[in-house]
Amino acid sequence: MSARDTILATLRRNSPDPAAHPLPEPALLGESDASPERFTTNLIPMGGTMLDRRPDETLDQAIARRFPKPGLMICSLVPEATGTVQIEDLPTPQAAEPVDVTIVRAAFGIAETGSIFLSEAQLHLNALAHLTQHMVVLLDPAQITANMHTAYLRPELHTARYGVLMSGPSATADIQGVLIRGAQGVRSLSVCFTPR
């Protein structure tokens, strides 16, 4: 037996059974307000916007109003919007590179930070969350949680193999405070409250 095998065998023999030491319940700290108003208030300073639908318009019409440039490649991952390309037509991350707008439904939102959570269950192609130029996110107001402490209790956070929290578009700033949005990811993130 090599020294490596001896060390690993000793570690395995002396390691406690994880089931014998369950994790403690997380502390629920901070504000408990999980309202859509609080979510919106915290999304906007992060550079995100709300896509408000007019009473008489469909989601497709609201998206066309938000992105009026003709000929955009729009990938819809939700049945509420049609789009111009289906996710099945994007088998690789390289194929997703020309996508202008992605429409996706968030698993949940976090009011404290104005963040949305996406996983492989919503994206189907994880790179799409970072390669698309603009993202429209449908969020059920009933799926907004108050803060990161309550978000930790969400089952989606524990079952996802991949997950990303997004609070507005990608941004970077240099030491002189020059802020650039869309530097390494989406250039805009619009949230539309849409019940399931």
Protein backbone atom coordinates (compact mmCIF):
# COMPACT_ATOMS: atom_id res chain seq x y z
CA MET A 1 0.00 0.00 0.00
CA SER A 2 1.39 3.40 -0.98
CA ALA A 3 1.69 6.28 1.48
CA ARG A 4 -1.19 7.99 -0.34
CA ASP A 5 -3.43 4.93 0.07
CA THR A 6 -2.49 4.65 3.76
CA ILE A 7 -3.39 8.31 4.39
CA LEU A 8 -6.70 8.04 2.51
CA ALA A 9 -7.63 4.81 4.31
CA THR A 10 -6.90 6.46 7.67
CA LEU A 11 -9.00 9.48 6.74
CA ARG A 12 -11.92 7.30 5.64
CA ARG A 13 -11.71 5.20 8.80
CA ASN A 14 -11.65 8.26 11.08
CA SER A 15 -14.22 10.36 9.19
CA PRO A 16 -17.55 10.61 10.99
CA ASP A 17 -20.74 9.48 9.30
CA PRO A 18 -22.31 12.65 7.78
CA ALA A 19 -25.80 11.39 8.67
CA ALA A 20 -24.77 11.32 12.34
CA HIS A 21 -24.03 15.06 12.20
CA PRO A 22 -26.82 16.83 10.30
CA LEU A 23 -26.35 20.45 9.33
CA PRO A 24 -27.97 22.97 11.66
CA GLU A 25 -31.06 24.83 10.55
CA PRO A 26 -30.05 28.14 8.96
CA ALA A 27 -30.72 31.31 10.92
CA LEU A 28 -33.45 33.45 9.43
CA LEU A 29 -32.00 36.91 9.72
CA GLY A 30 -32.88 40.24 8.18
CA GLU A 31 -35.99 41.76 6.72
CA SER A 32 -38.85 39.35 5.99
CA ASP A 33 -40.50 41.50 3.30
CA ALA A 34 -40.78 39.38 0.15
CA SER A 35 -42.95 41.82 -1.77
CA PRO A 36 -42.68 42.54 -5.49
CA GLU A 37 -42.24 46.22 -4.58
CA ARG A 38 -39.13 45.47 -2.53
CA PHE A 39 -37.77 43.25 -5.30
CA THR A 40 -38.26 46.04 -7.86
CA THR A 41 -36.73 48.66 -5.56
CA ASN A 42 -33.56 46.56 -5.26
CA LEU A 43 -33.39 45.42 -8.90
CA ILE A 44 -33.28 48.90 -10.40
CA PRO A 45 -30.09 50.17 -8.67
CA MET A 46 -28.34 47.03 -9.95
CA GLY A 47 -29.14 48.07 -13.53
CA GLY A 48 -32.11 45.78 -14.03
CA THR A 49 -35.44 47.01 -15.38
CA MET A 50 -39.03 45.95 -15.08
CA LEU A 51 -40.88 44.97 -18.25
CA ASP A 52 -44.39 46.17 -17.53
CA ARG A 53 -47.03 44.78 -19.85
CA ARG A 54 -49.90 46.97 -20.89
CA PRO A 55 -53.33 45.52 -20.07
CA ASP A 56 -54.09 44.71 -23.70
CA GLU A 57 -50.73 43.35 -24.87
CA THR A 58 -49.26 39.88 -25.03
CA LEU A 59 -45.81 39.06 -23.74
CA ASP A 60 -44.52 38.92 -27.33
CA GLN A 61 -45.86 42.44 -27.95
CA ALA A 62 -44.25 43.75 -24.73
CA ILE A 63 -40.90 42.21 -25.75
CA ALA A 64 -41.20 43.71 -29.25
CA ARG A 65 -41.85 47.11 -27.63
CA ARG A 66 -38.77 46.68 -25.40
CA PHE A 67 -36.56 45.44 -28.28
CA PRO A 68 -37.94 47.11 -31.44
CA LYS A 69 -34.97 46.38 -33.73
CA PRO A 70 -36.16 44.04 -36.52
CA GLY A 71 -34.43 40.73 -37.18
CA LEU A 72 -33.33 39.96 -33.64
CA MET A 73 -32.65 36.33 -32.73
CA ILE A 74 -34.96 35.67 -29.78
CA CYS A 75 -34.76 32.37 -27.90
CA SER A 76 -37.84 31.67 -25.80
CA LEU A 77 -37.59 29.04 -23.08
CA VAL A 78 -41.17 29.63 -21.94
CA PRO A 79 -44.54 28.78 -23.48
CA GLU A 80 -45.79 32.34 -22.90
CA ALA A 81 -43.55 33.74 -25.68
CA THR A 82 -42.77 32.46 -29.14
CA GLY A 83 -39.31 33.74 -30.03
CA THR A 84 -37.56 33.17 -33.36
CA VAL A 85 -35.38 30.22 -32.36
CA GLN A 86 -36.03 27.21 -30.14
CA ILE A 87 -33.56 25.95 -27.53
CA GLU A 88 -33.46 22.62 -29.38
CA ASP A 89 -31.84 24.48 -32.30
CA LEU A 90 -28.94 25.50 -30.02
CA PRO A 91 -27.16 22.21 -29.23
CA THR A 92 -23.88 23.80 -28.08
CA PRO A 93 -22.75 26.99 -26.36
CA GLN A 94 -21.16 28.07 -29.64
CA ALA A 95 -24.56 27.89 -31.34
CA ALA A 96 -25.99 30.25 -28.69
CA GLU A 97 -23.46 32.99 -29.39
CA PRO A 98 -25.65 34.95 -31.88
CA VAL A 99 -28.74 35.02 -29.61
CA ASP A 100 -29.86 38.60 -29.00
CA VAL A 101 -32.68 38.07 -26.50
CA THR A 102 -33.43 35.12 -24.21
CA ILE A 103 -36.75 34.74 -22.44
CA VAL A 104 -36.69 32.49 -19.39
CA ARG A 105 -38.73 31.91 -16.22
CA ALA A 106 -36.81 32.22 -12.96
CA ALA A 107 -37.19 29.52 -10.33
CA PHE A 108 -37.43 32.27 -7.70
CA GLY A 109 -36.40 35.82 -6.91
CA ILE A 110 -34.79 37.41 -3.85
CA ALA A 111 -36.39 40.68 -2.74
CA GLU A 112 -33.43 41.88 -0.65
CA THR A 113 -31.04 41.91 -3.61
CA GLY A 114 -33.36 42.10 -6.62
CA SER A 115 -31.84 38.82 -7.80
CA ILE A 116 -33.28 35.96 -9.81
CA PHE A 117 -32.15 32.33 -9.63
CA LEU A 118 -31.68 30.25 -12.77
CA SER A 119 -30.46 26.67 -13.03
CA GLU A 120 -30.08 24.06 -15.72
CA ALA A 121 -33.78 23.29 -15.23
CA GLN A 122 -34.72 26.73 -16.57
CA LEU A 123 -31.84 27.39 -19.01
CA HIS A 124 -31.36 23.96 -20.65
CA LEU A 125 -28.09 25.41 -21.99
CA ASN A 126 -26.23 27.05 -19.10
CA ALA A 127 -24.06 29.25 -21.33
CA LEU A 128 -27.17 31.00 -22.60
CA ALA A 129 -27.34 32.99 -19.34
CA HIS A 130 -24.03 34.63 -20.20
CA LEU A 131 -23.89 34.64 -24.01
CA THR A 132 -27.22 36.27 -24.78
CA GLN A 133 -27.16 40.03 -25.19
CA HIS A 134 -30.44 40.73 -23.39
CA MET A 135 -32.44 38.63 -20.96
CA VAL A 136 -36.15 38.85 -20.20
CA VAL A 137 -37.00 36.97 -17.03
CA LEU A 138 -40.53 35.96 -16.08
CA LEU A 139 -40.96 35.88 -12.32
CA ASP A 140 -44.00 34.70 -10.43
CA PRO A 141 -44.49 37.22 -7.58
CA ALA A 142 -45.47 34.31 -5.33
CA GLN A 143 -41.96 32.89 -5.87
CA ILE A 144 -40.14 35.87 -4.37
CA THR A 145 -38.33 35.10 -1.14
CA ALA A 146 -37.23 37.76 1.35
CA ASN A 147 -33.43 37.35 1.49
CA MET A 148 -30.50 34.97 1.07
CA HIS A 149 -31.33 33.25 4.35
CA THR A 150 -34.80 32.31 3.14
CA ALA A 151 -33.45 31.57 -0.37
CA TYR A 152 -31.18 28.94 1.18
CA LEU A 153 -34.31 27.04 2.21
CA ARG A 154 -35.56 26.80 -1.38
CA PRO A 155 -35.33 23.26 -2.79
CA GLU A 156 -34.09 24.53 -6.17
CA LEU A 157 -30.89 25.70 -4.52
CA HIS A 158 -30.14 22.18 -3.28
CA THR A 159 -31.18 20.16 -6.33
CA ALA A 160 -29.46 22.23 -9.03
CA ARG A 161 -26.22 20.99 -10.53
CA TYR A 162 -25.68 24.49 -11.94
CA GLY A 163 -27.13 27.70 -10.62
CA VAL A 164 -26.68 31.41 -11.10
CA LEU A 165 -28.05 34.39 -9.21
CA MET A 166 -28.38 37.46 -11.40
CA SER A 167 -29.00 40.97 -10.10
CA GLY A 168 -29.23 43.03 -13.23
CA PRO A 169 -26.91 42.98 -16.23
CA SER A 170 -23.23 42.13 -16.12
CA ALA A 171 -21.12 45.05 -14.95
CA THR A 172 -17.56 45.97 -14.19
CA ALA A 173 -15.92 49.10 -12.83
CA ASP A 174 -12.33 50.27 -12.74
CA ILE A 175 -10.55 51.91 -9.85
CA GLN A 176 -11.65 55.34 -11.07
CA GLY A 177 -15.30 54.29 -10.77
CA VAL A 178 -16.15 54.03 -14.47
CA LEU A 179 -19.04 51.54 -14.61
CA ILE A 180 -19.58 49.49 -17.76
CA ARG A 181 -22.66 47.29 -18.08
CA GLY A 182 -22.66 44.18 -20.22
CA ALA A 183 -18.90 43.72 -20.02
CA GLN A 184 -18.83 39.95 -19.47
CA GLY A 185 -22.42 38.88 -19.86
CA VAL A 186 -25.91 40.15 -20.56
CA ARG A 187 -26.18 43.82 -21.48
CA SER A 188 -29.68 44.15 -20.06
CA LEU A 189 -31.90 42.18 -17.72
CA SER A 190 -35.63 42.88 -17.69
CA VAL A 191 -37.98 41.22 -15.23
CA CYS A 192 -41.68 40.77 -15.95
CA PHE A 193 -43.95 39.71 -13.09
CA THR A 194 -45.94 36.84 -14.59
CA PRO A 195 -47.82 34.38 -12.35
CA ARG A 196 -47.51 30.73 -13.32
